[in-house]
Amino acid sequence: MTIDARKERFELVEVLGHPMLFTGLRVDRSTVPKGLYLYEVRNDDDQCGLPVEIGRWVMVNHWGTLLSATPIELEPNKYNNNAYQSIDPEKDWNYTGEPCTMQTYIDKYLPKKEREKPRER
């Protein structure tokens, strides 16, 4: 099951030094507006609630979804059509505890010219 990004209430987080939206749910990619990048987050193998990897998509240990106005550089996987970046949950991930709607995030962090570009899939 996926949720509609336009209707979800997200949490503002800082990942790799950039403000991003986070939800513990899977987001329907077709509901993400132009200019935003969608990434899925992998939980650690011990299920301790630690975000350890960001990817285009995550099948196992899915922990949540990030929406970002800033693209994240990912390392392509040679075995499938995916790409990942490992993260250190203590250094690369910061909870702000601030609830945020997608529209509020767009108004604050997405330059107007980016909203007019065709959306990447």
N, C-alpha and C. Protein backbone atom coordinates (compact mmCIF):
# COMPACT_ATOMS: atom_id res chain seq x y z
N MET A 1 0.83 -1.18 0.00
CA MET A 1 0.00 0.00 0.00
C MET A 1 0.88 1.25 0.00
N THR A 2 0.49 2.23 -0.77
CA THR A 2 1.21 3.50 -0.82
C THR A 2 0.25 4.63 -0.47
N ILE A 3 0.84 5.76 -0.06
CA ILE A 3 0.03 6.91 0.30
C ILE A 3 0.22 8.03 -0.72
N ASP A 4 -0.71 8.95 -0.75
CA ASP A 4 -0.68 10.11 -1.62
C ASP A 4 0.16 11.19 -0.94
N ALA A 5 1.27 11.58 -1.54
CA ALA A 5 2.17 12.57 -0.95
C ALA A 5 1.48 13.91 -0.73
N ARG A 6 0.51 14.22 -1.55
CA ARG A 6 -0.18 15.51 -1.44
C ARG A 6 -1.05 15.58 -0.20
N LYS A 7 -1.40 14.41 0.37
CA LYS A 7 -2.30 14.38 1.52
C LYS A 7 -1.60 14.01 2.82
N GLU A 8 -0.36 13.58 2.74
CA GLU A 8 0.37 13.10 3.92
C GLU A 8 0.95 14.26 4.73
N ARG A 9 1.02 14.07 6.02
CA ARG A 9 1.72 15.01 6.90
C ARG A 9 3.07 14.37 7.21
N PHE A 10 4.13 15.05 6.84
CA PHE A 10 5.48 14.53 6.97
C PHE A 10 6.16 15.10 8.21
N GLU A 11 7.33 14.55 8.48
CA GLU A 11 8.21 15.11 9.50
C GLU A 11 9.41 15.72 8.78
N LEU A 12 9.79 16.92 9.18
CA LEU A 12 10.97 17.55 8.60
C LEU A 12 12.20 16.94 9.25
N VAL A 13 13.12 16.46 8.43
CA VAL A 13 14.38 15.89 8.92
C VAL A 13 15.52 16.55 8.15
N GLU A 14 16.71 16.42 8.67
CA GLU A 14 17.89 16.87 7.95
C GLU A 14 18.72 15.63 7.65
N VAL A 15 18.94 15.38 6.37
CA VAL A 15 19.70 14.21 5.94
C VAL A 15 20.83 14.68 5.04
N LEU A 16 22.03 14.25 5.37
CA LEU A 16 23.22 14.63 4.61
C LEU A 16 23.32 16.16 4.48
N GLY A 17 22.88 16.85 5.52
CA GLY A 17 22.97 18.30 5.55
C GLY A 17 21.87 19.05 4.83
N HIS A 18 20.85 18.34 4.33
CA HIS A 18 19.76 18.97 3.58
C HIS A 18 18.42 18.73 4.26
N PRO A 19 17.54 19.73 4.29
CA PRO A 19 16.19 19.51 4.83
C PRO A 19 15.40 18.63 3.87
N MET A 20 14.71 17.64 4.44
CA MET A 20 13.90 16.72 3.64
C MET A 20 12.64 16.36 4.42
N LEU A 21 11.67 15.83 3.70
CA LEU A 21 10.45 15.34 4.32
C LEU A 21 10.58 13.84 4.52
N PHE A 22 10.08 13.35 5.66
CA PHE A 22 10.15 11.91 5.96
C PHE A 22 8.79 11.40 6.41
N THR A 23 8.45 10.20 5.93
CA THR A 23 7.32 9.45 6.43
C THR A 23 7.74 7.99 6.53
N GLY A 24 7.20 7.28 7.48
CA GLY A 24 7.49 5.86 7.64
C GLY A 24 6.72 4.99 6.65
N LEU A 25 5.97 5.59 5.75
CA LEU A 25 5.14 4.87 4.79
C LEU A 25 5.75 4.92 3.39
N ARG A 26 5.24 4.07 2.51
CA ARG A 26 5.64 4.13 1.10
C ARG A 26 4.76 5.18 0.41
N VAL A 27 5.37 5.95 -0.47
CA VAL A 27 4.67 7.04 -1.15
C VAL A 27 4.46 6.67 -2.61
N ASP A 28 3.27 6.91 -3.10
CA ASP A 28 2.96 6.70 -4.52
C ASP A 28 3.74 7.74 -5.32
N ARG A 29 4.67 7.28 -6.13
CA ARG A 29 5.54 8.18 -6.89
C ARG A 29 4.77 9.13 -7.80
N SER A 30 3.63 8.70 -8.29
CA SER A 30 2.86 9.55 -9.20
C SER A 30 2.25 10.75 -8.48
N THR A 31 2.28 10.78 -7.15
CA THR A 31 1.71 11.90 -6.39
C THR A 31 2.77 12.91 -5.95
N VAL A 32 4.03 12.67 -6.34
CA VAL A 32 5.13 13.58 -5.97
C VAL A 32 5.24 14.67 -7.03
N PRO A 33 5.18 15.94 -6.62
CA PRO A 33 5.22 17.03 -7.62
C PRO A 33 6.57 17.21 -8.28
N LYS A 34 6.53 17.91 -9.39
CA LYS A 34 7.75 18.24 -10.14
C LYS A 34 8.75 18.93 -9.22
N GLY A 35 10.02 18.60 -9.43
CA GLY A 35 11.09 19.24 -8.68
C GLY A 35 11.48 18.54 -7.40
N LEU A 36 10.67 17.60 -6.91
CA LEU A 36 11.03 16.85 -5.71
C LEU A 36 11.55 15.47 -6.09
N TYR A 37 12.50 14.99 -5.32
CA TYR A 37 13.09 13.67 -5.52
C TYR A 37 12.59 12.74 -4.43
N LEU A 38 12.21 11.52 -4.81
CA LEU A 38 11.75 10.53 -3.85
C LEU A 38 12.82 9.48 -3.65
N TYR A 39 13.11 9.18 -2.40
CA TYR A 39 14.07 8.13 -2.03
C TYR A 39 13.44 7.27 -0.94
N GLU A 40 13.79 6.00 -0.93
CA GLU A 40 13.34 5.13 0.15
C GLU A 40 14.51 4.84 1.08
N VAL A 41 14.18 4.59 2.34
CA VAL A 41 15.18 4.42 3.38
C VAL A 41 15.13 2.99 3.90
N ARG A 42 16.32 2.41 4.05
CA ARG A 42 16.45 1.05 4.59
C ARG A 42 16.82 1.12 6.07
N ASN A 43 16.15 0.27 6.84
CA ASN A 43 16.42 0.09 8.27
C ASN A 43 17.60 -0.86 8.44
N ASP A 44 18.28 -0.79 9.56
CA ASP A 44 19.39 -1.70 9.84
C ASP A 44 18.88 -3.14 9.94
N ASP A 45 19.75 -4.10 9.68
CA ASP A 45 19.37 -5.52 9.68
C ASP A 45 18.89 -6.01 11.04
N ASP A 46 19.33 -5.38 12.12
CA ASP A 46 18.92 -5.79 13.47
C ASP A 46 17.57 -5.20 13.87
N GLN A 47 16.97 -4.41 12.98
CA GLN A 47 15.67 -3.78 13.22
C GLN A 47 15.67 -2.91 14.48
N CYS A 48 16.75 -2.14 14.66
CA CYS A 48 16.88 -1.25 15.82
C CYS A 48 16.29 0.13 15.55
N GLY A 49 15.71 0.33 14.38
CA GLY A 49 15.13 1.63 14.07
C GLY A 49 16.14 2.65 13.63
N LEU A 50 17.19 2.18 12.95
CA LEU A 50 18.24 3.09 12.50
C LEU A 50 18.25 3.16 10.98
N PRO A 51 18.16 4.37 10.41
CA PRO A 51 18.26 4.49 8.96
C PRO A 51 19.72 4.31 8.54
N VAL A 52 19.97 3.33 7.66
CA VAL A 52 21.36 3.04 7.30
C VAL A 52 21.64 3.16 5.81
N GLU A 53 20.60 3.28 4.99
CA GLU A 53 20.82 3.34 3.55
C GLU A 53 19.66 4.06 2.88
N ILE A 54 20.00 4.85 1.85
CA ILE A 54 19.01 5.53 1.04
C ILE A 54 19.13 4.97 -0.37
N GLY A 55 17.99 4.71 -1.01
CA GLY A 55 18.01 4.16 -2.36
C GLY A 55 16.86 4.66 -3.20
N ARG A 56 16.94 4.35 -4.48
CA ARG A 56 15.81 4.68 -5.36
C ARG A 56 14.56 3.95 -4.88
N TRP A 57 14.74 2.70 -4.50
CA TRP A 57 13.66 1.91 -3.92
C TRP A 57 14.25 0.87 -2.99
N VAL A 58 13.46 0.44 -2.01
CA VAL A 58 13.91 -0.52 -1.00
C VAL A 58 12.83 -1.60 -0.87
N MET A 59 13.24 -2.85 -1.00
CA MET A 59 12.30 -3.97 -0.83
C MET A 59 12.37 -4.54 0.58
N VAL A 60 13.58 -4.79 1.07
CA VAL A 60 13.77 -5.44 2.37
C VAL A 60 14.18 -4.40 3.40
N ASN A 61 13.60 -4.48 4.58
CA ASN A 61 13.88 -3.55 5.67
C ASN A 61 13.49 -2.11 5.32
N HIS A 62 12.40 -1.97 4.59
CA HIS A 62 11.91 -0.61 4.27
C HIS A 62 11.58 0.10 5.57
N TRP A 63 12.14 1.29 5.72
CA TRP A 63 11.94 2.05 6.96
C TRP A 63 11.14 3.33 6.73
N GLY A 64 11.13 3.81 5.49
CA GLY A 64 10.37 5.00 5.20
C GLY A 64 10.73 5.61 3.87
N THR A 65 10.19 6.82 3.63
CA THR A 65 10.38 7.52 2.37
C THR A 65 10.81 8.96 2.65
N LEU A 66 11.74 9.43 1.85
CA LEU A 66 12.19 10.82 1.89
C LEU A 66 11.76 11.53 0.63
N LEU A 67 11.35 12.78 0.76
CA LEU A 67 11.15 13.66 -0.37
C LEU A 67 12.13 14.80 -0.19
N SER A 68 12.83 15.15 -1.26
CA SER A 68 13.89 16.13 -1.16
C SER A 68 13.88 17.10 -2.34
N ALA A 69 14.18 18.35 -2.05
CA ALA A 69 14.36 19.34 -3.10
C ALA A 69 15.77 19.26 -3.67
N THR A 70 16.64 18.52 -2.97
CA THR A 70 18.04 18.37 -3.37
C THR A 70 18.30 16.92 -3.77
N PRO A 71 18.86 16.67 -4.94
CA PRO A 71 19.16 15.28 -5.31
C PRO A 71 20.27 14.71 -4.44
N ILE A 72 20.18 13.42 -4.17
CA ILE A 72 21.20 12.70 -3.41
C ILE A 72 22.00 11.86 -4.40
N GLU A 73 23.32 11.93 -4.31
CA GLU A 73 24.15 11.12 -5.18
C GLU A 73 24.13 9.67 -4.69
N LEU A 74 23.73 8.77 -5.58
CA LEU A 74 23.61 7.35 -5.26
C LEU A 74 24.58 6.54 -6.10
N GLU A 75 25.03 5.45 -5.55
CA GLU A 75 25.94 4.54 -6.25
C GLU A 75 25.12 3.47 -6.97
N PRO A 76 25.21 3.39 -8.30
CA PRO A 76 24.43 2.39 -9.03
C PRO A 76 24.76 0.96 -8.59
N ASN A 77 23.74 0.13 -8.57
CA ASN A 77 23.89 -1.28 -8.24
C ASN A 77 24.05 -2.04 -9.55
N LYS A 78 25.10 -2.84 -9.68
CA LYS A 78 25.35 -3.53 -10.95
C LYS A 78 24.43 -4.72 -11.19
N TYR A 79 23.65 -5.13 -10.18
CA TYR A 79 22.80 -6.30 -10.32
C TYR A 79 21.34 -5.99 -10.63
N ASN A 80 20.92 -4.74 -10.39
CA ASN A 80 19.53 -4.39 -10.69
C ASN A 80 19.45 -2.90 -11.02
N ASN A 81 18.29 -2.45 -11.36
CA ASN A 81 18.09 -1.05 -11.74
C ASN A 81 17.84 -0.21 -10.49
N ASN A 82 18.82 -0.17 -9.61
CA ASN A 82 18.69 0.57 -8.37
C ASN A 82 20.01 1.25 -8.06
N ALA A 83 20.00 2.12 -7.08
CA ALA A 83 21.22 2.79 -6.64
C ALA A 83 21.03 3.12 -5.17
N TYR A 84 22.13 3.14 -4.42
CA TYR A 84 22.07 3.33 -2.97
C TYR A 84 23.16 4.26 -2.49
N GLN A 85 22.98 4.74 -1.27
CA GLN A 85 24.03 5.42 -0.53
C GLN A 85 23.88 5.03 0.93
N SER A 86 24.95 4.53 1.51
CA SER A 86 24.94 4.22 2.94
C SER A 86 25.00 5.52 3.71
N ILE A 87 24.33 5.53 4.86
CA ILE A 87 24.38 6.70 5.73
C ILE A 87 24.68 6.26 7.15
N ASP A 88 25.25 7.16 7.92
CA ASP A 88 25.51 6.95 9.34
C ASP A 88 24.35 7.62 10.08
N PRO A 89 23.52 6.86 10.78
CA PRO A 89 22.35 7.46 11.43
C PRO A 89 22.70 8.52 12.47
N GLU A 90 23.89 8.46 13.01
CA GLU A 90 24.28 9.45 14.02
C GLU A 90 24.84 10.72 13.40
N LYS A 91 25.45 10.62 12.23
CA LYS A 91 26.08 11.78 11.60
C LYS A 91 25.27 12.37 10.45
N ASP A 92 24.56 11.51 9.72
CA ASP A 92 23.91 11.95 8.48
C ASP A 92 22.41 12.20 8.62
N TRP A 93 21.82 11.88 9.77
CA TRP A 93 20.36 11.97 9.94
C TRP A 93 20.05 12.74 11.20
N ASN A 94 19.23 13.78 11.08
CA ASN A 94 18.85 14.58 12.24
C ASN A 94 17.35 14.82 12.22
N TYR A 95 16.68 14.39 13.29
CA TYR A 95 15.25 14.66 13.44
C TYR A 95 15.07 16.08 13.94
N THR A 96 14.17 16.82 13.32
CA THR A 96 13.86 18.15 13.82
C THR A 96 12.64 18.10 14.73
N GLY A 97 11.83 17.04 14.56
CA GLY A 97 10.60 16.92 15.34
C GLY A 97 9.50 17.85 14.86
N GLU A 98 9.72 18.46 13.72
CA GLU A 98 8.79 19.45 13.18
C GLU A 98 7.87 18.82 12.13
N PRO A 99 6.55 18.81 12.35
CA PRO A 99 5.65 18.33 11.30
C PRO A 99 5.64 19.32 10.14
N CYS A 100 5.44 18.80 8.94
CA CYS A 100 5.50 19.67 7.76
C CYS A 100 4.68 19.05 6.63
N THR A 101 3.88 19.86 5.99
CA THR A 101 3.17 19.39 4.79
C THR A 101 4.09 19.53 3.59
N MET A 102 3.76 18.82 2.55
CA MET A 102 4.56 18.90 1.34
C MET A 102 4.52 20.31 0.76
N GLN A 103 3.36 20.95 0.78
CA GLN A 103 3.25 22.30 0.21
C GLN A 103 4.09 23.31 0.99
N THR A 104 4.12 23.19 2.31
CA THR A 104 4.95 24.09 3.12
C THR A 104 6.42 23.88 2.78
N TYR A 105 6.82 22.63 2.62
CA TYR A 105 8.21 22.31 2.25
C TYR A 105 8.55 22.91 0.88
N ILE A 106 7.67 22.71 -0.09
CA ILE A 106 7.89 23.24 -1.44
C ILE A 106 8.04 24.76 -1.40
N ASP A 107 7.16 25.42 -0.69
CA ASP A 107 7.21 26.89 -0.62
C ASP A 107 8.50 27.38 0.02
N LYS A 108 9.03 26.62 0.96
CA LYS A 108 10.22 27.06 1.69
C LYS A 108 11.54 26.64 1.02
N TYR A 109 11.58 25.43 0.45
CA TYR A 109 12.86 24.87 0.00
C TYR A 109 13.01 24.66 -1.50
N LEU A 110 11.95 24.68 -2.24
CA LEU A 110 12.05 24.40 -3.68
C LEU A 110 11.99 25.70 -4.48
N PRO A 111 13.08 26.06 -5.16
CA PRO A 111 13.05 27.28 -5.97
C PRO A 111 11.95 27.22 -7.01
N LYS A 112 11.34 28.35 -7.28
CA LYS A 112 10.22 28.39 -8.23
C LYS A 112 10.57 27.79 -9.58
N LYS A 113 11.78 28.04 -10.07
CA LYS A 113 12.17 27.51 -11.39
C LYS A 113 12.20 25.99 -11.39
N GLU A 114 12.49 25.36 -10.25
CA GLU A 114 12.52 23.89 -10.16
C GLU A 114 11.12 23.31 -10.24
N ARG A 115 10.13 24.05 -9.79
CA ARG A 115 8.75 23.56 -9.81
C ARG A 115 8.23 23.45 -11.23
N GLU A 116 8.85 24.17 -12.15
CA GLU A 116 8.38 24.19 -13.53
C GLU A 116 9.08 23.17 -14.42
N LYS A 117 10.13 22.50 -13.91
CA LYS A 117 10.84 21.48 -14.69
C LYS A 117 9.99 20.22 -14.78
N PRO A 118 10.17 19.44 -15.85
CA PRO A 118 9.49 18.15 -15.92
C PRO A 118 9.99 17.25 -14.79
N ARG A 119 9.11 16.45 -14.24
CA ARG A 119 9.46 15.59 -13.13
C ARG A 119 10.27 14.41 -13.60
N GLU A 120 11.36 14.07 -12.84
CA GLU A 120 12.16 12.89 -13.15
C GLU A 120 11.49 11.66 -12.57
N ARG A 121 11.62 10.55 -13.26
CA ARG A 121 11.01 9.31 -12.75
C ARG A 121 12.10 8.32 -12.42
